[in-house]
Amino acid sequence: MPLKPQSSYGTTTITAAQIDPQTTKDLTFTSRPKPQTSFQPLYPTITSQSVYPTRRPWPELFSLTSFSVPSNYAGAMARIKRNTAYFRVNYTMAALFIVFLSLLWHPISMIVFLIVLVAWLALYFFRTTPVLLYNQSLDDRVVAIALGLVTVVALVFTHVGLNVLVALIVAVVIMGLHAAFRDTEDLYLDEETAAENGLASVVASQQSLRLPTSYTRI
């Protein structure tokens, strides 16, 4: 008695014509990472906002071995830009101290200055939370500029505008000379300061964003 071939019950045959090209495209795997294009940088740009001011150690500010004469005008301007960004909190404290010294013989102005100084301490130097305006965190430089304007206006109303002007000129000259002659080779920028100066650590980027070079086949 001839045997009939068993029917392929429970099996399904899929031909090449029945495969959706889109499905085939979605099921294709590659073992190599997608190459970077000219519009897709290998390492992303570090973007951060300086919300909390950073005060540098005072011995670092006055290190005598770190002072030298700049080679040219461009080098001096580069130092001023770098040092101003790095020591901006220290410079702000020094400027406030010079303004305070100019008010020693004006008791009413000193009282007003001390009241404003409380705002400086709470909103700039010793704050633990960011300053928010319309649910947006303000950069510490914006906060410093706003507090500086409030300080100047409050003191001008106490009739010591000339004293404040002279004190600010002296502060700018002293800080400018310090920033121009303070060498920057020993200043190590953190992520915050590097982002502000458009600088990034290539070594750190390569270590954190290194592409995998091996894979495991399944």
N, C-alpha and C. Protein backbone atom coordinates (compact mmCIF):
# COMPACT_ATOMS: atom_id res chain seq x y z
N MET A 1 0.86 -1.19 0.00
CA MET A 1 0.00 0.00 0.00
C MET A 1 0.89 1.24 0.00
N PRO A 2 0.76 2.07 -0.99
CA PRO A 2 1.63 3.25 -1.07
C PRO A 2 1.34 4.20 0.07
N LEU A 3 2.39 4.78 0.60
CA LEU A 3 2.26 5.74 1.69
C LEU A 3 2.18 7.15 1.14
N LYS A 4 1.19 7.87 1.66
CA LYS A 4 1.05 9.26 1.23
C LYS A 4 2.00 10.13 2.04
N PRO A 5 2.59 11.05 1.37
CA PRO A 5 3.48 11.95 2.12
C PRO A 5 2.71 12.74 3.15
N GLN A 6 3.30 12.84 4.32
CA GLN A 6 2.62 13.56 5.39
C GLN A 6 2.55 15.05 5.06
N SER A 7 1.38 15.58 5.37
CA SER A 7 1.19 17.02 5.12
C SER A 7 1.96 17.83 6.15
N SER A 8 2.44 18.95 5.70
CA SER A 8 3.21 19.83 6.60
C SER A 8 2.26 20.62 7.45
N TYR A 9 1.62 19.88 8.41
CA TYR A 9 0.64 20.51 9.30
C TYR A 9 1.38 21.36 10.35
N GLY A 10 0.93 22.58 10.52
CA GLY A 10 1.52 23.46 11.53
C GLY A 10 2.75 24.19 11.08
N THR A 11 3.13 24.06 9.86
CA THR A 11 4.31 24.80 9.36
C THR A 11 3.87 25.81 8.33
N THR A 12 4.63 26.81 8.20
CA THR A 12 4.32 27.89 7.26
C THR A 12 5.54 28.17 6.42
N THR A 13 5.34 28.21 5.14
CA THR A 13 6.44 28.48 4.21
C THR A 13 6.32 29.91 3.74
N ILE A 14 7.41 30.64 3.90
CA ILE A 14 7.43 32.05 3.49
C ILE A 14 8.37 32.16 2.31
N THR A 15 7.87 32.67 1.25
CA THR A 15 8.68 32.86 0.05
C THR A 15 9.30 34.25 0.08
N ALA A 16 10.25 34.41 -0.81
CA ALA A 16 10.94 35.70 -0.88
C ALA A 16 10.00 36.81 -1.31
N ALA A 17 8.98 36.46 -2.11
CA ALA A 17 8.06 37.48 -2.60
C ALA A 17 7.15 37.97 -1.50
N GLN A 18 6.95 37.14 -0.42
CA GLN A 18 6.04 37.52 0.65
C GLN A 18 6.73 38.34 1.73
N ILE A 19 8.02 38.53 1.65
CA ILE A 19 8.75 39.30 2.66
C ILE A 19 8.69 40.78 2.31
N ASP A 20 8.23 41.54 3.28
CA ASP A 20 8.13 42.98 3.05
C ASP A 20 9.54 43.58 3.02
N PRO A 21 9.87 44.32 1.97
CA PRO A 21 11.21 44.91 1.93
C PRO A 21 11.50 45.77 3.15
N GLN A 22 10.46 46.48 3.66
CA GLN A 22 10.68 47.32 4.82
C GLN A 22 11.02 46.50 6.05
N THR A 23 10.35 45.32 6.17
CA THR A 23 10.65 44.43 7.30
C THR A 23 12.06 43.91 7.21
N THR A 24 12.47 43.54 5.98
CA THR A 24 13.84 43.06 5.79
C THR A 24 14.85 44.12 6.17
N LYS A 25 14.53 45.37 5.84
CA LYS A 25 15.43 46.47 6.18
C LYS A 25 15.53 46.66 7.68
N ASP A 26 14.37 46.49 8.38
CA ASP A 26 14.36 46.66 9.83
C ASP A 26 15.06 45.54 10.55
N LEU A 27 15.11 44.34 9.95
CA LEU A 27 15.72 43.19 10.59
C LEU A 27 17.19 43.04 10.27
N THR A 28 17.76 43.99 9.54
CA THR A 28 19.16 43.92 9.18
C THR A 28 20.01 44.48 10.31
N PHE A 29 21.01 43.72 10.74
CA PHE A 29 21.88 44.12 11.83
C PHE A 29 23.27 44.37 11.27
N THR A 30 23.96 45.24 11.91
CA THR A 30 25.32 45.52 11.51
C THR A 30 26.21 45.39 12.72
N SER A 31 27.42 44.94 12.51
CA SER A 31 28.36 44.73 13.61
C SER A 31 29.31 45.88 13.78
N ARG A 32 29.23 46.91 12.93
CA ARG A 32 30.11 48.05 13.03
C ARG A 32 29.31 49.28 13.41
N PRO A 33 29.87 50.17 14.23
CA PRO A 33 29.15 51.39 14.57
C PRO A 33 28.99 52.27 13.34
N LYS A 34 27.92 53.02 13.35
CA LYS A 34 27.63 53.90 12.21
C LYS A 34 28.70 54.97 12.12
N PRO A 35 29.31 55.16 10.97
CA PRO A 35 30.39 56.15 10.86
C PRO A 35 29.84 57.55 11.06
N GLN A 36 30.69 58.40 11.59
CA GLN A 36 30.31 59.78 11.82
C GLN A 36 30.32 60.54 10.51
N THR A 37 29.34 61.39 10.34
CA THR A 37 29.28 62.24 9.16
C THR A 37 29.84 63.60 9.51
N SER A 38 29.96 64.44 8.48
CA SER A 38 30.49 65.78 8.71
C SER A 38 29.56 66.63 9.53
N PHE A 39 28.28 66.27 9.58
CA PHE A 39 27.31 67.04 10.34
C PHE A 39 27.09 66.47 11.73
N GLN A 40 27.76 65.38 12.06
CA GLN A 40 27.60 64.73 13.36
C GLN A 40 28.97 64.60 14.00
N PRO A 41 29.33 65.51 14.93
CA PRO A 41 30.68 65.48 15.50
C PRO A 41 30.92 64.22 16.31
N LEU A 42 32.19 63.83 16.35
CA LEU A 42 32.55 62.62 17.09
C LEU A 42 32.36 62.81 18.58
N TYR A 43 32.71 63.98 19.08
CA TYR A 43 32.56 64.28 20.50
C TYR A 43 31.64 65.47 20.66
N PRO A 44 30.60 65.36 21.46
CA PRO A 44 29.68 66.48 21.61
C PRO A 44 30.33 67.63 22.34
N THR A 45 29.84 68.82 22.05
CA THR A 45 30.36 70.01 22.68
C THR A 45 29.83 70.11 24.09
N ILE A 46 30.72 70.42 25.03
CA ILE A 46 30.31 70.56 26.42
C ILE A 46 29.62 71.90 26.58
N THR A 47 28.40 71.89 27.02
CA THR A 47 27.65 73.10 27.26
C THR A 47 27.13 73.05 28.68
N SER A 48 27.49 73.98 29.45
CA SER A 48 27.03 74.05 30.83
C SER A 48 26.85 75.49 31.23
N GLN A 49 26.09 75.70 32.25
CA GLN A 49 25.83 77.03 32.73
C GLN A 49 26.42 77.18 34.12
N SER A 50 27.14 78.28 34.33
CA SER A 50 27.76 78.50 35.62
C SER A 50 26.71 79.04 36.58
N VAL A 51 26.10 78.14 37.34
CA VAL A 51 25.05 78.53 38.27
C VAL A 51 25.63 78.87 39.62
N TYR A 52 26.65 78.13 40.06
CA TYR A 52 27.24 78.35 41.37
C TYR A 52 28.63 78.96 41.19
N PRO A 53 28.90 80.11 41.81
CA PRO A 53 30.23 80.71 41.68
C PRO A 53 31.26 79.91 42.46
N THR A 54 32.48 79.90 41.95
CA THR A 54 33.56 79.14 42.57
C THR A 54 34.66 80.09 43.01
N ARG A 55 34.91 80.15 44.30
CA ARG A 55 36.00 80.98 44.82
C ARG A 55 37.28 80.17 44.83
N ARG A 56 38.33 80.73 44.27
CA ARG A 56 39.63 80.07 44.23
C ARG A 56 40.40 80.35 45.51
N PRO A 57 41.33 79.47 45.90
CA PRO A 57 42.13 79.72 47.10
C PRO A 57 42.95 81.00 46.95
N TRP A 58 43.00 81.80 48.01
CA TRP A 58 43.74 83.06 47.96
C TRP A 58 45.24 82.86 47.74
N PRO A 59 45.88 81.83 48.32
CA PRO A 59 47.31 81.63 48.00
C PRO A 59 47.55 81.40 46.51
N GLU A 60 46.59 80.79 45.84
CA GLU A 60 46.74 80.59 44.40
C GLU A 60 46.67 81.92 43.66
N LEU A 61 45.89 82.85 44.20
CA LEU A 61 45.75 84.16 43.57
C LEU A 61 47.04 84.98 43.70
N PHE A 62 47.72 84.85 44.85
CA PHE A 62 48.89 85.67 45.13
C PHE A 62 50.19 84.88 45.06
N SER A 63 50.22 83.78 44.32
CA SER A 63 51.44 83.00 44.19
C SER A 63 52.50 83.81 43.43
N LEU A 64 53.56 84.20 44.12
CA LEU A 64 54.57 85.07 43.51
C LEU A 64 55.31 84.40 42.37
N THR A 65 55.43 83.09 42.42
CA THR A 65 56.16 82.38 41.36
C THR A 65 55.35 82.30 40.06
N SER A 66 54.08 82.71 40.10
CA SER A 66 53.23 82.60 38.92
C SER A 66 53.10 83.92 38.16
N PHE A 67 53.86 84.93 38.56
CA PHE A 67 53.80 86.23 37.89
C PHE A 67 54.95 86.35 36.90
N SER A 68 54.62 86.86 35.74
CA SER A 68 55.62 87.09 34.70
C SER A 68 55.10 88.16 33.75
N VAL A 69 56.00 88.74 33.02
CA VAL A 69 55.63 89.80 32.07
C VAL A 69 55.11 89.15 30.79
N PRO A 70 53.93 89.55 30.31
CA PRO A 70 53.41 88.97 29.06
C PRO A 70 54.30 89.34 27.88
N SER A 71 54.36 88.44 26.92
CA SER A 71 55.26 88.64 25.78
C SER A 71 54.78 89.75 24.86
N ASN A 72 53.47 89.89 24.71
CA ASN A 72 52.93 90.92 23.81
C ASN A 72 51.52 91.29 24.28
N TYR A 73 50.90 92.18 23.52
CA TYR A 73 49.57 92.66 23.88
C TYR A 73 48.53 91.54 23.79
N ALA A 74 48.64 90.71 22.75
CA ALA A 74 47.70 89.60 22.62
C ALA A 74 47.81 88.62 23.78
N GLY A 75 49.04 88.36 24.20
CA GLY A 75 49.23 87.47 25.34
C GLY A 75 48.65 88.06 26.61
N ALA A 76 48.80 89.38 26.79
CA ALA A 76 48.24 90.03 27.97
C ALA A 76 46.71 89.96 27.97
N MET A 77 46.09 90.18 26.82
CA MET A 77 44.64 90.11 26.75
C MET A 77 44.14 88.70 26.97
N ALA A 78 44.89 87.70 26.48
CA ALA A 78 44.52 86.31 26.72
C ALA A 78 44.59 85.98 28.21
N ARG A 79 45.62 86.48 28.87
CA ARG A 79 45.73 86.26 30.31
C ARG A 79 44.58 86.93 31.06
N ILE A 80 44.26 88.16 30.67
CA ILE A 80 43.17 88.87 31.35
C ILE A 80 41.85 88.11 31.19
N LYS A 81 41.60 87.60 30.01
CA LYS A 81 40.36 86.86 29.79
C LYS A 81 40.33 85.58 30.62
N ARG A 82 41.43 84.86 30.61
CA ARG A 82 41.49 83.59 31.34
C ARG A 82 41.42 83.82 32.85
N ASN A 83 42.20 84.76 33.36
CA ASN A 83 42.22 85.00 34.80
C ASN A 83 40.92 85.60 35.29
N THR A 84 40.29 86.45 34.49
CA THR A 84 39.02 87.02 34.90
C THR A 84 37.95 85.94 35.03
N ALA A 85 37.95 84.98 34.12
CA ALA A 85 36.99 83.89 34.22
C ALA A 85 37.31 82.96 35.38
N TYR A 86 38.60 82.78 35.66
CA TYR A 86 39.01 81.83 36.70
C TYR A 86 38.87 82.42 38.10
N PHE A 87 39.27 83.69 38.26
CA PHE A 87 39.28 84.33 39.58
C PHE A 87 38.15 85.34 39.74
N ARG A 88 37.08 85.22 39.00
CA ARG A 88 36.06 86.28 39.01
C ARG A 88 35.42 86.46 40.39
N VAL A 89 35.26 85.38 41.14
CA VAL A 89 34.67 85.52 42.48
C VAL A 89 35.66 86.24 43.40
N ASN A 90 36.93 85.90 43.32
CA ASN A 90 37.94 86.58 44.13
C ASN A 90 38.03 88.05 43.75
N TYR A 91 37.97 88.35 42.46
CA TYR A 91 38.02 89.74 42.02
C TYR A 91 36.79 90.50 42.53
N THR A 92 35.64 89.87 42.53
CA THR A 92 34.43 90.53 43.04
C THR A 92 34.56 90.85 44.52
N MET A 93 35.09 89.92 45.29
CA MET A 93 35.28 90.16 46.71
C MET A 93 36.29 91.28 46.93
N ALA A 94 37.35 91.33 46.14
CA ALA A 94 38.35 92.39 46.28
C ALA A 94 37.75 93.74 45.92
N ALA A 95 36.93 93.80 44.88
CA ALA A 95 36.31 95.06 44.49
C ALA A 95 35.37 95.56 45.58
N LEU A 96 34.59 94.66 46.18
CA LEU A 96 33.70 95.07 47.27
C LEU A 96 34.50 95.58 48.47
N PHE A 97 35.63 94.97 48.74
CA PHE A 97 36.46 95.42 49.85
C PHE A 97 37.02 96.82 49.59
N ILE A 98 37.42 97.09 48.36
CA ILE A 98 37.94 98.42 48.02
C ILE A 98 36.83 99.46 48.14
N VAL A 99 35.62 99.12 47.70
CA VAL A 99 34.49 100.03 47.85
C VAL A 99 34.21 100.28 49.32
N PHE A 100 34.30 99.24 50.13
CA PHE A 100 34.07 99.40 51.57
C PHE A 100 35.09 100.35 52.19
N LEU A 101 36.35 100.24 51.78
CA LEU A 101 37.38 101.14 52.31
C LEU A 101 37.10 102.59 51.95
N SER A 102 36.49 102.82 50.80
CA SER A 102 36.18 104.20 50.39
C SER A 102 35.04 104.81 51.18
N LEU A 103 34.35 104.02 51.98
CA LEU A 103 33.19 104.51 52.74
C LEU A 103 33.47 104.62 54.23
N LEU A 104 34.74 104.56 54.63
CA LEU A 104 35.06 104.53 56.06
C LEU A 104 34.61 105.80 56.77
N TRP A 105 34.61 106.92 56.11
CA TRP A 105 34.23 108.18 56.75
C TRP A 105 32.82 108.61 56.38
N HIS A 106 32.02 107.63 55.95
CA HIS A 106 30.61 107.92 55.62
C HIS A 106 29.76 106.85 56.29
N PRO A 107 29.36 107.06 57.53
CA PRO A 107 28.65 106.01 58.29
C PRO A 107 27.33 105.58 57.66
N ILE A 108 26.58 106.52 57.14
CA ILE A 108 25.29 106.15 56.53
C ILE A 108 25.52 105.27 55.31
N SER A 109 26.48 105.63 54.50
CA SER A 109 26.79 104.83 53.32
C SER A 109 27.30 103.45 53.71
N MET A 110 28.05 103.37 54.80
CA MET A 110 28.53 102.08 55.26
C MET A 110 27.38 101.18 55.70
N ILE A 111 26.39 101.77 56.35
CA ILE A 111 25.23 100.98 56.77
C ILE A 111 24.49 100.44 55.54
N VAL A 112 24.31 101.30 54.54
CA VAL A 112 23.65 100.86 53.31
C VAL A 112 24.47 99.78 52.62
N PHE A 113 25.78 99.95 52.62
CA PHE A 113 26.64 98.95 51.99
C PHE A 113 26.55 97.62 52.71
N LEU A 114 26.51 97.63 54.03
CA LEU A 114 26.41 96.39 54.78
C LEU A 114 25.08 95.69 54.53
N ILE A 115 24.02 96.46 54.35
CA ILE A 115 22.73 95.85 54.03
C ILE A 115 22.78 95.17 52.66
N VAL A 116 23.39 95.87 51.70
CA VAL A 116 23.51 95.27 50.37
C VAL A 116 24.45 94.08 50.41
N LEU A 117 25.46 94.13 51.29
CA LEU A 117 26.41 93.03 51.40
C LEU A 117 25.72 91.74 51.85
N VAL A 118 24.68 91.88 52.66
CA VAL A 118 23.92 90.70 53.05
C VAL A 118 23.31 90.02 51.82
N ALA A 119 22.81 90.84 50.88
CA ALA A 119 22.28 90.27 49.63
C ALA A 119 23.37 89.59 48.83
N TRP A 120 24.58 90.17 48.82
CA TRP A 120 25.71 89.54 48.14
C TRP A 120 26.01 88.17 48.74
N LEU A 121 26.04 88.10 50.06
CA LEU A 121 26.35 86.84 50.72
C LEU A 121 25.28 85.79 50.48
N ALA A 122 24.02 86.21 50.50
CA ALA A 122 22.93 85.25 50.36
C ALA A 122 22.71 84.81 48.92
N LEU A 123 22.86 85.74 47.97
CA LEU A 123 22.53 85.43 46.58
C LEU A 123 23.73 85.08 45.72
N TYR A 124 24.94 85.33 46.22
CA TYR A 124 26.10 85.09 45.36
C TYR A 124 27.18 84.23 46.02
N PHE A 125 27.72 84.68 47.14
CA PHE A 125 28.90 84.02 47.69
C PHE A 125 28.59 82.70 48.38
N PHE A 126 27.53 82.65 49.17
CA PHE A 126 27.28 81.48 50.00
C PHE A 126 25.94 80.82 49.71
N ARG A 127 25.42 81.00 48.55
CA ARG A 127 24.12 80.38 48.26
C ARG A 127 24.30 78.89 47.97
N THR A 128 23.27 78.12 48.30
CA THR A 128 23.28 76.66 48.08
C THR A 128 22.28 76.23 47.03
N THR A 129 21.48 77.16 46.54
CA THR A 129 20.51 76.87 45.49
C THR A 129 20.66 77.91 44.39
N PRO A 130 20.35 77.56 43.15
CA PRO A 130 20.46 78.54 42.07
C PRO A 130 19.41 79.64 42.19
N VAL A 131 19.74 80.81 41.67
CA VAL A 131 18.81 81.92 41.64
C VAL A 131 17.89 81.74 40.43
N LEU A 132 16.59 81.69 40.68
CA LEU A 132 15.61 81.42 39.63
C LEU A 132 14.85 82.69 39.29
N LEU A 133 14.64 82.89 38.01
CA LEU A 133 13.82 83.99 37.51
C LEU A 133 12.94 83.45 36.40
N TYR A 134 11.62 83.41 36.67
CA TYR A 134 10.67 82.81 35.74
C TYR A 134 11.07 81.35 35.42
N ASN A 135 11.42 80.62 36.50
CA ASN A 135 11.78 79.20 36.41
C ASN A 135 13.04 78.95 35.58
N GLN A 136 13.88 79.97 35.45
CA GLN A 136 15.15 79.84 34.73
C GLN A 136 16.29 80.15 35.68
N SER A 137 17.30 79.27 35.70
CA SER A 137 18.47 79.48 36.54
C SER A 137 19.35 80.57 35.94
N LEU A 138 19.71 81.55 36.76
CA LEU A 138 20.52 82.66 36.30
C LEU A 138 22.00 82.32 36.43
N ASP A 139 22.76 82.70 35.43
CA ASP A 139 24.20 82.54 35.47
C ASP A 139 24.77 83.38 36.59
N ASP A 140 25.84 82.91 37.23
CA ASP A 140 26.38 83.65 38.37
C ASP A 140 26.93 85.01 37.96
N ARG A 141 27.35 85.16 36.69
CA ARG A 141 27.80 86.47 36.24
C ARG A 141 26.65 87.45 36.12
N VAL A 142 25.48 86.95 35.71
CA VAL A 142 24.30 87.81 35.64
C VAL A 142 23.90 88.28 37.04
N VAL A 143 23.97 87.35 38.00
CA VAL A 143 23.65 87.71 39.39
C VAL A 143 24.64 88.75 39.91
N ALA A 144 25.93 88.58 39.59
CA ALA A 144 26.94 89.53 40.05
C ALA A 144 26.71 90.91 39.45
N ILE A 145 26.39 90.97 38.17
CA ILE A 145 26.14 92.27 37.52
C ILE A 145 24.91 92.95 38.13
N ALA A 146 23.86 92.18 38.37
CA ALA A 146 22.64 92.76 38.95
C ALA A 146 22.92 93.28 40.36
N LEU A 147 23.62 92.50 41.17
CA LEU A 147 23.95 92.96 42.52
C LEU A 147 24.89 94.16 42.49
N GLY A 148 25.80 94.20 41.53
CA GLY A 148 26.69 95.34 41.41
C GLY A 148 25.94 96.62 41.08
N LEU A 149 24.97 96.51 40.18
CA LEU A 149 24.16 97.69 39.85
C LEU A 149 23.35 98.16 41.05
N VAL A 150 22.78 97.22 41.79
CA VAL A 150 22.02 97.58 42.99
C VAL A 150 22.92 98.26 44.01
N THR A 151 24.14 97.76 44.17
CA THR A 151 25.08 98.35 45.12
C THR A 151 25.44 99.77 44.74
N VAL A 152 25.76 99.98 43.46
CA VAL A 152 26.15 101.32 43.01
C VAL A 152 24.99 102.30 43.15
N VAL A 153 23.81 101.91 42.72
CA VAL A 153 22.65 102.80 42.81
C VAL A 153 22.32 103.14 44.26
N ALA A 154 22.38 102.14 45.14
CA ALA A 154 22.07 102.38 46.56
C ALA A 154 23.08 103.34 47.18
N LEU A 155 24.35 103.22 46.82
CA LEU A 155 25.36 104.11 47.39
C LEU A 155 25.30 105.50 46.79
N VAL A 156 24.93 105.60 45.53
CA VAL A 156 24.81 106.92 44.90
C VAL A 156 23.74 107.75 45.60
N PHE A 157 22.67 107.11 46.04
CA PHE A 157 21.60 107.82 46.75
C PHE A 157 22.05 108.32 48.12
N THR A 158 23.19 107.84 48.61
CA THR A 158 23.73 108.35 49.88
C THR A 158 24.80 109.41 49.64
N HIS A 159 24.89 109.91 48.41
CA HIS A 159 25.76 111.03 48.04
C HIS A 159 27.25 110.68 48.18
N VAL A 160 27.59 109.47 47.79
CA VAL A 160 29.00 109.07 47.76
C VAL A 160 29.34 108.53 46.37
N GLY A 161 28.70 109.10 45.36
CA GLY A 161 28.93 108.62 44.01
C GLY A 161 30.37 108.75 43.57
N LEU A 162 31.03 109.86 43.94
CA LEU A 162 32.42 110.06 43.55
C LEU A 162 33.32 109.04 44.23
N ASN A 163 33.06 108.76 45.50
CA ASN A 163 33.86 107.76 46.21
C ASN A 163 33.73 106.39 45.54
N VAL A 164 32.52 106.03 45.17
CA VAL A 164 32.29 104.73 44.53
C VAL A 164 32.98 104.68 43.18
N LEU A 165 32.90 105.76 42.42
CA LEU A 165 33.53 105.79 41.09
C LEU A 165 35.04 105.63 41.21
N VAL A 166 35.66 106.36 42.14
CA VAL A 166 37.11 106.25 42.31
C VAL A 166 37.48 104.84 42.78
N ALA A 167 36.69 104.29 43.70
CA ALA A 167 36.98 102.94 44.19
C ALA A 167 36.88 101.90 43.08
N LEU A 168 35.88 102.03 42.21
CA LEU A 168 35.74 101.08 41.11
C LEU A 168 36.87 101.22 40.11
N ILE A 169 37.31 102.45 39.85
CA ILE A 169 38.45 102.64 38.94
C ILE A 169 39.70 102.00 39.51
N VAL A 170 39.94 102.21 40.80
CA VAL A 170 41.11 101.59 41.45
C VAL A 170 41.01 100.07 41.40
N ALA A 171 39.81 99.54 41.64
CA ALA A 171 39.62 98.08 41.61
C ALA A 171 39.87 97.53 40.22
N VAL A 172 39.39 98.20 39.19
CA VAL A 172 39.58 97.72 37.83
C VAL A 172 41.05 97.74 37.44
N VAL A 173 41.76 98.81 37.84
CA VAL A 173 43.20 98.90 37.52
C VAL A 173 43.98 97.79 38.22
N ILE A 174 43.70 97.57 39.50
CA ILE A 174 44.43 96.54 40.25
C ILE A 174 44.14 95.15 39.68
N MET A 175 42.87 94.86 39.42
CA MET A 175 42.52 93.54 38.89
C MET A 175 43.04 93.36 37.48
N GLY A 176 43.04 94.44 36.68
CA GLY A 176 43.58 94.33 35.33
C GLY A 176 45.06 94.04 35.32
N LEU A 177 45.82 94.72 36.20
CA LEU A 177 47.25 94.47 36.29
C LEU A 177 47.53 93.05 36.79
N HIS A 178 46.77 92.63 37.78
CA HIS A 178 46.96 91.27 38.29
C HIS A 178 46.67 90.23 37.21
N ALA A 179 45.56 90.41 36.49
CA ALA A 179 45.18 89.45 35.46
C ALA A 179 46.17 89.43 34.30
N ALA A 180 46.78 90.57 34.01
CA ALA A 180 47.73 90.64 32.90
C ALA A 180 49.07 90.00 33.25
N PHE A 181 49.50 90.11 34.51
CA PHE A 181 50.81 89.59 34.90
C PHE A 181 50.73 88.22 35.56
N ARG A 182 49.54 87.76 35.90
CA ARG A 182 49.39 86.43 36.50
C ARG A 182 49.42 85.38 35.40
N ASP A 183 50.41 84.50 35.45
CA ASP A 183 50.54 83.45 34.45
C ASP A 183 49.37 82.48 34.56
N THR A 184 49.00 81.87 33.44
CA THR A 184 47.83 80.97 33.42
C THR A 184 48.20 79.52 33.17
N GLU A 185 49.50 79.21 33.12
CA GLU A 185 49.89 77.84 32.81
C GLU A 185 49.55 76.86 33.93
N ASP A 186 49.49 77.34 35.16
CA ASP A 186 49.20 76.46 36.28
C ASP A 186 47.73 76.45 36.66
N LEU A 187 46.89 77.07 35.85
CA LEU A 187 45.46 77.12 36.14
C LEU A 187 44.78 75.99 35.38
N TYR A 188 44.18 75.08 36.10
CA TYR A 188 43.51 73.94 35.49
C TYR A 188 42.02 74.22 35.44
N LEU A 189 41.51 74.34 34.24
CA LEU A 189 40.10 74.67 34.07
C LEU A 189 39.23 73.47 34.39
N ASP A 190 38.19 73.68 35.18
CA ASP A 190 37.20 72.64 35.38
C ASP A 190 36.19 72.68 34.25
N GLU A 191 35.18 71.79 34.31
CA GLU A 191 34.20 71.71 33.22
C GLU A 191 33.46 73.02 33.05
N GLU A 192 33.14 73.67 34.20
CA GLU A 192 32.38 74.91 34.15
C GLU A 192 33.15 76.00 33.43
N THR A 193 34.41 76.21 33.86
CA THR A 193 35.22 77.26 33.27
C THR A 193 35.60 76.95 31.84
N ALA A 194 35.84 75.67 31.53
CA ALA A 194 36.19 75.28 30.16
C ALA A 194 35.05 75.58 29.21
N ALA A 195 33.84 75.32 29.63
CA ALA A 195 32.70 75.59 28.78
C ALA A 195 32.54 77.08 28.53
N GLU A 196 32.84 77.89 29.55
CA GLU A 196 32.69 79.32 29.39
C GLU A 196 33.74 79.89 28.43
N ASN A 197 34.91 79.30 28.37
CA ASN A 197 35.98 79.78 27.51
C ASN A 197 36.05 79.03 26.19
N GLY A 198 35.08 78.18 25.93
CA GLY A 198 35.08 77.44 24.68
C GLY A 198 36.14 76.38 24.60
N LEU A 199 36.62 75.90 25.75
CA LEU A 199 37.67 74.89 25.79
C LEU A 199 37.09 73.60 26.31
N ALA A 200 37.65 72.50 25.88
CA ALA A 200 37.21 71.18 26.34
C ALA A 200 38.39 70.26 26.40
N SER A 201 38.37 69.35 27.32
CA SER A 201 39.45 68.39 27.47
C SER A 201 39.26 67.25 26.48
N VAL A 202 40.16 67.17 25.51
CA VAL A 202 40.05 66.13 24.50
C VAL A 202 40.29 64.76 25.11
N VAL A 203 41.23 64.71 26.04
CA VAL A 203 41.53 63.42 26.66
C VAL A 203 40.34 62.91 27.43
N ALA A 204 39.68 63.78 28.20
CA ALA A 204 38.51 63.35 28.96
C ALA A 204 37.39 62.94 28.04
N SER A 205 37.24 63.64 26.92
CA SER A 205 36.19 63.29 25.98
C SER A 205 36.45 61.93 25.35
N GLN A 206 37.71 61.66 25.03
CA GLN A 206 38.03 60.39 24.42
C GLN A 206 37.83 59.23 25.39
N GLN A 207 38.09 59.47 26.66
CA GLN A 207 37.91 58.41 27.63
C GLN A 207 36.45 58.13 27.91
N SER A 208 35.63 59.18 27.95
CA SER A 208 34.22 59.00 28.29
C SER A 208 33.36 58.63 27.10
N LEU A 209 33.81 58.99 25.91
CA LEU A 209 32.99 58.75 24.73
C LEU A 209 33.67 57.82 23.74
N ARG A 210 34.56 56.95 24.22
CA ARG A 210 35.29 56.05 23.34
C ARG A 210 34.34 55.02 22.75
N LEU A 211 34.39 54.85 21.43
CA LEU A 211 33.52 53.91 20.74
C LEU A 211 34.00 52.48 20.96
N PRO A 212 33.09 51.52 21.05
CA PRO A 212 33.52 50.13 21.23
C PRO A 212 34.23 49.60 19.99
N THR A 213 35.29 48.83 20.22
CA THR A 213 36.07 48.29 19.11
C THR A 213 35.86 46.80 18.93
N SER A 214 35.12 46.17 19.82
CA SER A 214 34.86 44.74 19.70
C SER A 214 33.40 44.48 19.92
N TYR A 215 32.93 43.31 19.43
CA TYR A 215 31.52 42.95 19.57
C TYR A 215 31.45 41.44 19.68
N THR A 216 30.33 40.97 20.11
CA THR A 216 30.12 39.53 20.29
C THR A 216 29.00 39.08 19.36
N ARG A 217 29.32 38.12 18.55
CA ARG A 217 28.33 37.57 17.65
C ARG A 217 27.41 36.62 18.39
N ILE A 218 26.15 36.66 18.07
CA ILE A 218 25.15 35.76 18.67
C ILE A 218 24.79 34.68 17.65
